[in-house]
Amino acid sequence: MITVKKIMLDVLKPHQPDALEFSRAIAEVGADYRVRLTVVEMDADTQTLQLEIEASAVDFEGVEAAITAMGGSLHSIDQVEVQNETEEQ
């Protein structure tokens, strides 16, 4: 099975929720999520973020749904780390 271990996303979001609330909501998607959020650019209405998520298995669809639920939009996937975890029998 191929598992996503780390993903870096370019995200556009409104000013609210703030960066801390936004990061916490992303971290709640998975039990062992580690989230690093960097504000790259700000204008009057929005913030452009670099969002890095690490976990034993990142649920990309869950992360994307959380971003959308908070009024954000995913611009691009900028970096991905995956691992082939073959089950031993």
PDB file of N, CA and C in Angstrom:
ATOM      1  N   MET A   1       0.838  -1.165   0.000  1.00  0.00           N
ATOM      2  CA  MET A   1       0.000   0.000   0.000  1.00  0.00           C
ATOM      3  C   MET A   1       0.895   1.244   0.000  1.00  0.00           C
ATOM      4  N   ILE A   2       0.544   2.209  -0.822  1.00  0.00           N
ATOM      5  CA  ILE A   2       1.276   3.469  -0.888  1.00  0.00           C
ATOM      6  C   ILE A   2       0.651   4.436   0.115  1.00  0.00           C
ATOM      7  N   THR A   3       1.477   4.982   1.006  1.00  0.00           N
ATOM      8  CA  THR A   3       1.000   5.868   2.059  1.00  0.00           C
ATOM      9  C   THR A   3       1.657   7.235   1.923  1.00  0.00           C
ATOM     10  N   VAL A   4       0.842   8.292   2.019  1.00  0.00           N
ATOM     11  CA  VAL A   4       1.362   9.655   2.002  1.00  0.00           C
ATOM     12  C   VAL A   4       1.872   9.976   3.403  1.00  0.00           C
ATOM     13  N   LYS A   5       3.147  10.318   3.495  1.00  0.00           N
ATOM     14  CA  LYS A   5       3.784  10.629   4.773  1.00  0.00           C
ATOM     15  C   LYS A   5       3.884  12.134   5.015  1.00  0.00           C
ATOM     16  N   LYS A   6       4.040  12.882   3.941  1.00  0.00           N
ATOM     17  CA  LYS A   6       4.224  14.333   4.043  1.00  0.00           C
ATOM     18  C   LYS A   6       3.688  14.975   2.779  1.00  0.00           C
ATOM     19  N   ILE A   7       3.032  16.113   2.943  1.00  0.00           N
ATOM     20  CA  ILE A   7       2.520  16.840   1.789  1.00  0.00           C
ATOM     21  C   ILE A   7       2.632  18.333   2.061  1.00  0.00           C
ATOM     22  N   MET A   8       3.018  19.092   1.042  1.00  0.00           N
ATOM     23  CA  MET A   8       3.110  20.534   1.157  1.00  0.00           C
ATOM     24  C   MET A   8       2.138  21.145   0.157  1.00  0.00           C
ATOM     25  N   LEU A   9       1.278  22.026   0.647  1.00  0.00           N
ATOM     26  CA  LEU A   9       0.209  22.590  -0.160  1.00  0.00           C
ATOM     27  C   LEU A   9       0.308  24.107  -0.210  1.00  0.00           C
ATOM     28  N   ASP A  10      -0.108  24.668  -1.338  1.00  0.00           N
ATOM     29  CA  ASP A  10      -0.264  26.107  -1.508  1.00  0.00           C
ATOM     30  C   ASP A  10      -1.761  26.370  -1.384  1.00  0.00           C
ATOM     31  N   VAL A  11      -2.152  27.151  -0.365  1.00  0.00           N
ATOM     32  CA  VAL A  11      -3.558  27.351  -0.032  1.00  0.00           C
ATOM     33  C   VAL A  11      -3.863  28.844   0.042  1.00  0.00           C
ATOM     34  N   LEU A  12      -5.032  29.231  -0.445  1.00  0.00           N
ATOM     35  CA  LEU A  12      -5.542  30.589  -0.304  1.00  0.00           C
ATOM     36  C   LEU A  12      -6.712  30.531   0.666  1.00  0.00           C
ATOM     37  N   LYS A  13      -6.707  31.395   1.697  1.00  0.00           N
ATOM     38  CA  LYS A  13      -7.783  31.393   2.680  1.00  0.00           C
ATOM     39  C   LYS A  13      -8.153  32.817   3.057  1.00  0.00           C
ATOM     40  N   PRO A  14      -9.386  33.022   3.536  1.00  0.00           N
ATOM     41  CA  PRO A  14      -9.739  34.338   4.073  1.00  0.00           C
ATOM     42  C   PRO A  14      -8.984  34.585   5.388  1.00  0.00           C
ATOM     43  N   HIS A  15      -8.994  35.828   5.877  1.00  0.00           N
ATOM     44  CA  HIS A  15      -8.284  36.139   7.122  1.00  0.00           C
ATOM     45  C   HIS A  15      -8.833  35.367   8.324  1.00  0.00           C
ATOM     46  N   GLN A  16     -10.105  35.047   8.302  1.00  0.00           N
ATOM     47  CA  GLN A  16     -10.712  34.252   9.374  1.00  0.00           C
ATOM     48  C   GLN A  16     -11.176  32.926   8.808  1.00  0.00           C
ATOM     49  N   PRO A  17     -10.886  31.818   9.431  1.00  0.00           N
ATOM     50  CA  PRO A  17     -10.224  31.688  10.717  1.00  0.00           C
ATOM     51  C   PRO A  17      -8.745  32.077  10.634  1.00  0.00           C
ATOM     52  N   ASP A  18      -8.187  32.476  11.772  1.00  0.00           N
ATOM     53  CA  ASP A  18      -6.780  32.864  11.786  1.00  0.00           C
ATOM     54  C   ASP A  18      -5.890  31.623  11.608  1.00  0.00           C
ATOM     55  N   ALA A  19      -4.602  31.858  11.488  1.00  0.00           N
ATOM     56  CA  ALA A  19      -3.654  30.777  11.189  1.00  0.00           C
ATOM     57  C   ALA A  19      -3.665  29.676  12.246  1.00  0.00           C
ATOM     58  N   LEU A  20      -3.809  30.047  13.517  1.00  0.00           N
ATOM     59  CA  LEU A  20      -3.808  29.053  14.584  1.00  0.00           C
ATOM     60  C   LEU A  20      -5.054  28.166  14.514  1.00  0.00           C
ATOM     61  N   GLU A  21      -6.216  28.775  14.357  1.00  0.00           N
ATOM     62  CA  GLU A  21      -7.458  28.003  14.229  1.00  0.00           C
ATOM     63  C   GLU A  21      -7.419  27.106  12.993  1.00  0.00           C
ATOM     64  N   PHE A  22      -6.915  27.647  11.898  1.00  0.00           N
ATOM     65  CA  PHE A  22      -6.826  26.906  10.641  1.00  0.00           C
ATOM     66  C   PHE A  22      -5.928  25.678  10.823  1.00  0.00           C
ATOM     67  N   SER A  23      -4.766  25.875  11.449  1.00  0.00           N
ATOM     68  CA  SER A  23      -3.820  24.769  11.682  1.00  0.00           C
ATOM     69  C   SER A  23      -4.424  23.703  12.581  1.00  0.00           C
ATOM     70  N   ARG A  24      -5.113  24.133  13.625  1.00  0.00           N
ATOM     71  CA  ARG A  24      -5.737  23.177  14.537  1.00  0.00           C
ATOM     72  C   ARG A  24      -6.794  22.336  13.822  1.00  0.00           C
ATOM     73  N   ALA A  25      -7.586  22.975  12.974  1.00  0.00           N
ATOM     74  CA  ALA A  25      -8.625  22.241  12.242  1.00  0.00           C
ATOM     75  C   ALA A  25      -8.008  21.212  11.297  1.00  0.00           C
ATOM     76  N   ILE A  26      -6.896  21.551  10.674  1.00  0.00           N
ATOM     77  CA  ILE A  26      -6.201  20.594   9.801  1.00  0.00           C
ATOM     78  C   ILE A  26      -5.643  19.450  10.642  1.00  0.00           C
ATOM     79  N   ALA A  27      -5.062  19.763  11.789  1.00  0.00           N
ATOM     80  CA  ALA A  27      -4.483  18.733  12.664  1.00  0.00           C
ATOM     81  C   ALA A  27      -5.549  17.768  13.165  1.00  0.00           C
ATOM     82  N   GLU A  28      -6.780  18.226  13.309  1.00  0.00           N
ATOM     83  CA  GLU A  28      -7.858  17.367  13.787  1.00  0.00           C
ATOM     84  C   GLU A  28      -8.275  16.305  12.772  1.00  0.00           C
ATOM     85  N   VAL A  29      -7.844  16.437  11.527  1.00  0.00           N
ATOM     86  CA  VAL A  29      -8.194  15.451  10.488  1.00  0.00           C
ATOM     87  C   VAL A  29      -7.599  14.090  10.815  1.00  0.00           C
ATOM     88  N   GLY A  30      -6.406  14.065  11.406  1.00  0.00           N
ATOM     89  CA  GLY A  30      -5.749  12.802  11.727  1.00  0.00           C
ATOM     90  C   GLY A  30      -5.191  12.794  13.132  1.00  0.00           C
ATOM     91  N   ALA A  31      -5.116  11.606  13.720  1.00  0.00           N
ATOM     92  CA  ALA A  31      -4.700  11.475  15.114  1.00  0.00           C
ATOM     93  C   ALA A  31      -3.252  11.907  15.360  1.00  0.00           C
ATOM     94  N   ASP A  32      -2.376  11.704  14.384  1.00  0.00           N
ATOM     95  CA  ASP A  32      -0.956  12.007  14.597  1.00  0.00           C
ATOM     96  C   ASP A  32      -0.438  13.077  13.637  1.00  0.00           C
ATOM     97  N   TYR A  33      -1.313  13.976  13.207  1.00  0.00           N
ATOM     98  CA  TYR A  33      -0.910  15.004  12.242  1.00  0.00           C
ATOM     99  C   TYR A  33      -0.006  16.048  12.881  1.00  0.00           C
ATOM    100  N   ARG A  34       1.033  16.388  12.161  1.00  0.00           N
ATOM    101  CA  ARG A  34       1.907  17.500  12.521  1.00  0.00           C
ATOM    102  C   ARG A  34       1.761  18.531  11.411  1.00  0.00           C
ATOM    103  N   VAL A  35       1.335  19.743  11.774  1.00  0.00           N
ATOM    104  CA  VAL A  35       1.016  20.774  10.783  1.00  0.00           C
ATOM    105  C   VAL A  35       1.961  21.955  10.960  1.00  0.00           C
ATOM    106  N   ARG A  36       2.536  22.404   9.851  1.00  0.00           N
ATOM    107  CA  ARG A  36       3.372  23.602   9.834  1.00  0.00           C
ATOM    108  C   ARG A  36       2.748  24.559   8.821  1.00  0.00           C
ATOM    109  N   LEU A  37       2.341  25.729   9.285  1.00  0.00           N
ATOM    110  CA  LEU A  37       1.694  26.718   8.428  1.00  0.00           C
ATOM    111  C   LEU A  37       2.568  27.960   8.358  1.00  0.00           C
ATOM    112  N   THR A  38       2.822  28.430   7.147  1.00  0.00           N
ATOM    113  CA  THR A  38       3.575  29.663   6.925  1.00  0.00           C
ATOM    114  C   THR A  38       2.730  30.592   6.071  1.00  0.00           C
ATOM    115  N   VAL A  39       2.520  31.821   6.549  1.00  0.00           N
ATOM    116  CA  VAL A  39       1.824  32.822   5.744  1.00  0.00           C
ATOM    117  C   VAL A  39       2.848  33.393   4.776  1.00  0.00           C
ATOM    118  N   VAL A  40       2.594  33.210   3.481  1.00  0.00           N
ATOM    119  CA  VAL A  40       3.531  33.631   2.447  1.00  0.00           C
ATOM    120  C   VAL A  40       3.205  35.037   1.960  1.00  0.00           C
ATOM    121  N   GLU A  41       1.910  35.344   1.894  1.00  0.00           N
ATOM    122  CA  GLU A  41       1.476  36.635   1.360  1.00  0.00           C
ATOM    123  C   GLU A  41       0.117  36.994   1.954  1.00  0.00           C
ATOM    124  N   MET A  42      -0.113  38.289   2.142  1.00  0.00           N
ATOM    125  CA  MET A  42      -1.398  38.777   2.640  1.00  0.00           C
ATOM    126  C   MET A  42      -1.854  39.944   1.786  1.00  0.00           C
ATOM    127  N   ASP A  43      -3.167  40.000   1.548  1.00  0.00           N
ATOM    128  CA  ASP A  43      -3.735  41.201   0.964  1.00  0.00           C
ATOM    129  C   ASP A  43      -4.921  41.610   1.823  1.00  0.00           C
ATOM    130  N   ALA A  44      -5.751  42.498   1.344  1.00  0.00           N
ATOM    131  CA  ALA A  44      -6.856  43.026   2.155  1.00  0.00           C
ATOM    132  C   ALA A  44      -7.851  41.955   2.580  1.00  0.00           C
ATOM    133  N   ASP A  45      -8.047  40.916   1.749  1.00  0.00           N
ATOM    134  CA  ASP A  45      -9.086  39.923   2.014  1.00  0.00           C
ATOM    135  C   ASP A  45      -8.589  38.517   2.280  1.00  0.00           C
ATOM    136  N   THR A  46      -7.396  38.184   1.806  1.00  0.00           N
ATOM    137  CA  THR A  46      -6.959  36.783   1.855  1.00  0.00           C
ATOM    138  C   THR A  46      -5.508  36.645   2.307  1.00  0.00           C
ATOM    139  N   GLN A  47      -5.160  35.398   2.619  1.00  0.00           N
ATOM    140  CA  GLN A  47      -3.788  35.018   2.944  1.00  0.00           C
ATOM    141  C   GLN A  47      -3.401  33.833   2.066  1.00  0.00           C
ATOM    142  N   THR A  48      -2.198  33.875   1.529  1.00  0.00           N
ATOM    143  CA  THR A  48      -1.640  32.733   0.823  1.00  0.00           C
ATOM    144  C   THR A  48      -0.753  31.990   1.812  1.00  0.00           C
ATOM    145  N   LEU A  49      -0.987  30.684   1.925  1.00  0.00           N
ATOM    146  CA  LEU A  49      -0.295  29.864   2.911  1.00  0.00           C
ATOM    147  C   LEU A  49       0.534  28.778   2.260  1.00  0.00           C
ATOM    148  N   GLN A  50       1.608  28.409   2.923  1.00  0.00           N
ATOM    149  CA  GLN A  50       2.319  27.174   2.634  1.00  0.00           C
ATOM    150  C   GLN A  50       1.973  26.260   3.810  1.00  0.00           C
ATOM    151  N   LEU A  51       1.324  25.164   3.518  1.00  0.00           N
ATOM    152  CA  LEU A  51       0.826  24.258   4.543  1.00  0.00           C
ATOM    153  C   LEU A  51       1.524  22.919   4.391  1.00  0.00           C
ATOM    154  N   GLU A  52       2.258  22.509   5.426  1.00  0.00           N
ATOM    155  CA  GLU A  52       2.985  21.242   5.412  1.00  0.00           C
ATOM    156  C   GLU A  52       2.368  20.319   6.458  1.00  0.00           C
ATOM    157  N   ILE A  53       2.002  19.117   6.040  1.00  0.00           N
ATOM    158  CA  ILE A  53       1.376  18.152   6.934  1.00  0.00           C
ATOM    159  C   ILE A  53       2.189  16.874   6.898  1.00  0.00           C
ATOM    160  N   GLU A  54       2.533  16.366   8.092  1.00  0.00           N
ATOM    161  CA  GLU A  54       3.253  15.103   8.224  1.00  0.00           C
ATOM    162  C   GLU A  54       2.460  14.186   9.138  1.00  0.00           C
ATOM    163  N   ALA A  55       2.453  12.897   8.808  1.00  0.00           N
ATOM    164  CA  ALA A  55       1.754  11.901   9.626  1.00  0.00           C
ATOM    165  C   ALA A  55       2.157  10.521   9.156  1.00  0.00           C
ATOM    166  N   SER A  56       1.717   9.512   9.901  1.00  0.00           N
ATOM    167  CA  SER A  56       1.978   8.139   9.473  1.00  0.00           C
ATOM    168  C   SER A  56       1.202   7.835   8.191  1.00  0.00           C
ATOM    169  N   ALA A  57       0.060   8.497   8.008  1.00  0.00           N
ATOM    170  CA  ALA A  57      -0.729   8.351   6.778  1.00  0.00           C
ATOM    171  C   ALA A  57      -1.618   9.580   6.631  1.00  0.00           C
ATOM    172  N   VAL A  58      -1.246  10.487   5.733  1.00  0.00           N
ATOM    173  CA  VAL A  58      -2.017  11.714   5.509  1.00  0.00           C
ATOM    174  C   VAL A  58      -3.221  11.386   4.623  1.00  0.00           C
ATOM    175  N   ASP A  59      -4.401  11.789   5.083  1.00  0.00           N
ATOM    176  CA  ASP A  59      -5.638  11.634   4.326  1.00  0.00           C
ATOM    177  C   ASP A  59      -5.840  12.902   3.499  1.00  0.00           C
ATOM    178  N   PHE A  60      -5.366  12.893   2.259  1.00  0.00           N
ATOM    179  CA  PHE A  60      -5.413  14.085   1.422  1.00  0.00           C
ATOM    180  C   PHE A  60      -6.838  14.584   1.231  1.00  0.00           C
ATOM    181  N   GLU A  61      -7.775  13.677   0.977  1.00  0.00           N
ATOM    182  CA  GLU A  61      -9.162  14.081   0.758  1.00  0.00           C
ATOM    183  C   GLU A  61      -9.745  14.729   2.011  1.00  0.00           C
ATOM    184  N   GLY A  62      -9.401  14.215   3.179  1.00  0.00           N
ATOM    185  CA  GLY A  62      -9.855  14.803   4.442  1.00  0.00           C
ATOM    186  C   GLY A  62      -9.277  16.187   4.662  1.00  0.00           C
ATOM    187  N   VAL A  63      -8.008  16.360   4.340  1.00  0.00           N
ATOM    188  CA  VAL A  63      -7.351  17.664   4.465  1.00  0.00           C
ATOM    189  C   VAL A  63      -8.004  18.658   3.510  1.00  0.00           C
ATOM    190  N   GLU A  64      -8.208  18.241   2.271  1.00  0.00           N
ATOM    191  CA  GLU A  64      -8.823  19.116   1.279  1.00  0.00           C
ATOM    192  C   GLU A  64     -10.236  19.532   1.707  1.00  0.00           C
ATOM    193  N   ALA A  65     -11.006  18.602   2.271  1.00  0.00           N
ATOM    194  CA  ALA A  65     -12.356  18.917   2.754  1.00  0.00           C
ATOM    195  C   ALA A  65     -12.305  19.918   3.901  1.00  0.00           C
ATOM    196  N   ALA A  66     -11.340  19.778   4.807  1.00  0.00           N
ATOM    197  CA  ALA A  66     -11.204  20.708   5.923  1.00  0.00           C
ATOM    198  C   ALA A  66     -10.845  22.109   5.428  1.00  0.00           C
ATOM    199  N   ILE A  67      -9.965  22.189   4.448  1.00  0.00           N
ATOM    200  CA  ILE A  67      -9.586  23.483   3.868  1.00  0.00           C
ATOM    201  C   ILE A  67     -10.815  24.165   3.269  1.00  0.00           C
ATOM    202  N   THR A  68     -11.570  23.426   2.493  1.00  0.00           N
ATOM    203  CA  THR A  68     -12.772  23.962   1.842  1.00  0.00           C
ATOM    204  C   THR A  68     -13.813  24.384   2.874  1.00  0.00           C
ATOM    205  N   ALA A  69     -13.992  23.590   3.928  1.00  0.00           N
ATOM    206  CA  ALA A  69     -14.979  23.898   4.968  1.00  0.00           C
ATOM    207  C   ALA A  69     -14.670  25.213   5.677  1.00  0.00           C
ATOM    208  N   MET A  70     -13.397  25.607   5.695  1.00  0.00           N
ATOM    209  CA  MET A  70     -13.015  26.868   6.344  1.00  0.00           C
ATOM    210  C   MET A  70     -12.922  28.029   5.359  1.00  0.00           C
ATOM    211  N   GLY A  71     -13.415  27.819   4.136  1.00  0.00           N
ATOM    212  CA  GLY A  71     -13.434  28.895   3.146  1.00  0.00           C
ATOM    213  C   GLY A  71     -12.167  29.025   2.336  1.00  0.00           C
ATOM    214  N   GLY A  72     -11.260  28.075   2.476  1.00  0.00           N
ATOM    215  CA  GLY A  72     -10.005  28.115   1.736  1.00  0.00           C
ATOM    216  C   GLY A  72     -10.107  27.384   0.413  1.00  0.00           C
ATOM    217  N   SER A  73      -9.078  27.557  -0.399  1.00  0.00           N
ATOM    218  CA  SER A  73      -9.011  26.821  -1.659  1.00  0.00           C
ATOM    219  C   SER A  73      -7.576  26.349  -1.891  1.00  0.00           C
ATOM    220  N   LEU A  74      -7.469  25.130  -2.372  1.00  0.00           N
ATOM    221  CA  LEU A  74      -6.177  24.516  -2.653  1.00  0.00           C
ATOM    222  C   LEU A  74      -5.701  24.980  -4.019  1.00  0.00           C
ATOM    223  N   HIS A  75      -4.544  25.645  -4.054  1.00  0.00           N
ATOM    224  CA  HIS A  75      -3.986  26.096  -5.330  1.00  0.00           C
ATOM    225  C   HIS A  75      -3.117  25.039  -5.975  1.00  0.00           C
ATOM    226  N   SER A  76      -2.272  24.388  -5.170  1.00  0.00           N
ATOM    227  CA  SER A  76      -1.387  23.376  -5.747  1.00  0.00           C
ATOM    228  C   SER A  76      -0.819  22.473  -4.669  1.00  0.00           C
ATOM    229  N   ILE A  77      -0.387  21.307  -5.115  1.00  0.00           N
ATOM    230  CA  ILE A  77       0.386  20.394  -4.283  1.00  0.00           C
ATOM    231  C   ILE A  77       1.833  20.631  -4.685  1.00  0.00           C
ATOM    232  N   ASP A  78       2.627  21.155  -3.754  1.00  0.00           N
ATOM    233  CA  ASP A  78       3.985  21.569  -4.081  1.00  0.00           C
ATOM    234  C   ASP A  78       5.057  20.537  -3.741  1.00  0.00           C
ATOM    235  N   GLN A  79       4.739  19.626  -2.826  1.00  0.00           N
ATOM    236  CA  GLN A  79       5.709  18.586  -2.465  1.00  0.00           C
ATOM    237  C   GLN A  79       4.949  17.423  -1.840  1.00  0.00           C
ATOM    238  N   VAL A  80       5.390  16.212  -2.152  1.00  0.00           N
ATOM    239  CA  VAL A  80       4.763  15.020  -1.599  1.00  0.00           C
ATOM    240  C   VAL A  80       5.855  14.012  -1.255  1.00  0.00           C
ATOM    241  N   GLU A  81       5.668  13.352  -0.115  1.00  0.00           N
ATOM    242  CA  GLU A  81       6.540  12.233   0.246  1.00  0.00           C
ATOM    243  C   GLU A  81       5.630  11.036   0.488  1.00  0.00           C
ATOM    244  N   VAL A  82       5.859   9.956  -0.247  1.00  0.00           N
ATOM    245  CA  VAL A  82       5.055   8.747  -0.097  1.00  0.00           C
ATOM    246  C   VAL A  82       5.962   7.572   0.217  1.00  0.00           C
ATOM    247  N   GLN A  83       5.357   6.513   0.761  1.00  0.00           N
ATOM    248  CA  GLN A  83       6.132   5.314   1.084  1.00  0.00           C
ATOM    249  C   GLN A  83       5.311   4.088   0.703  1.00  0.00           C
ATOM    250  N   ASN A  84       5.976   3.126   0.099  1.00  0.00           N
ATOM    251  CA  ASN A  84       5.356   1.854  -0.222  1.00  0.00           C
ATOM    252  C   ASN A  84       5.505   0.952   0.990  1.00  0.00           C
ATOM    253  N   GLU A  85       4.396   0.682   1.638  1.00  0.00           N
ATOM    254  CA  GLU A  85       4.402  -0.151   2.843  1.00  0.00           C
ATOM    255  C   GLU A  85       3.764  -1.498   2.515  1.00  0.00           C
ATOM    256  N   THR A  86       4.567  -2.387   2.012  1.00  0.00           N
ATOM    257  CA  THR A  86       4.096  -3.708   1.649  1.00  0.00           C
ATOM    258  C   THR A  86       3.851  -4.525   2.894  1.00  0.00           C
ATOM    259  N   GLU A  87       2.677  -5.134   2.957  1.00  0.00           N
ATOM    260  CA  GLU A  87       2.346  -5.971   4.110  1.00  0.00           C
ATOM    261  C   GLU A  87       3.118  -7.285   4.032  1.00  0.00           C
ATOM    262  N   GLU A  88       3.738  -7.647   5.153  1.00  0.00           N
ATOM    263  CA  GLU A  88       4.452  -8.916   5.201  1.00  0.00           C
ATOM    264  C   GLU A  88       3.488 -10.016   5.629  1.00  0.00           C
ATOM    265  N   GLN A  89       3.643 -11.188   5.023  1.00  0.00           N
ATOM    266  CA  GLN A  89       2.737 -12.292   5.336  1.00  0.00           C
ATOM    267  C   GLN A  89       3.482 -13.459   5.924  1.00  0.00           C
TER     268      GLN A  89
END
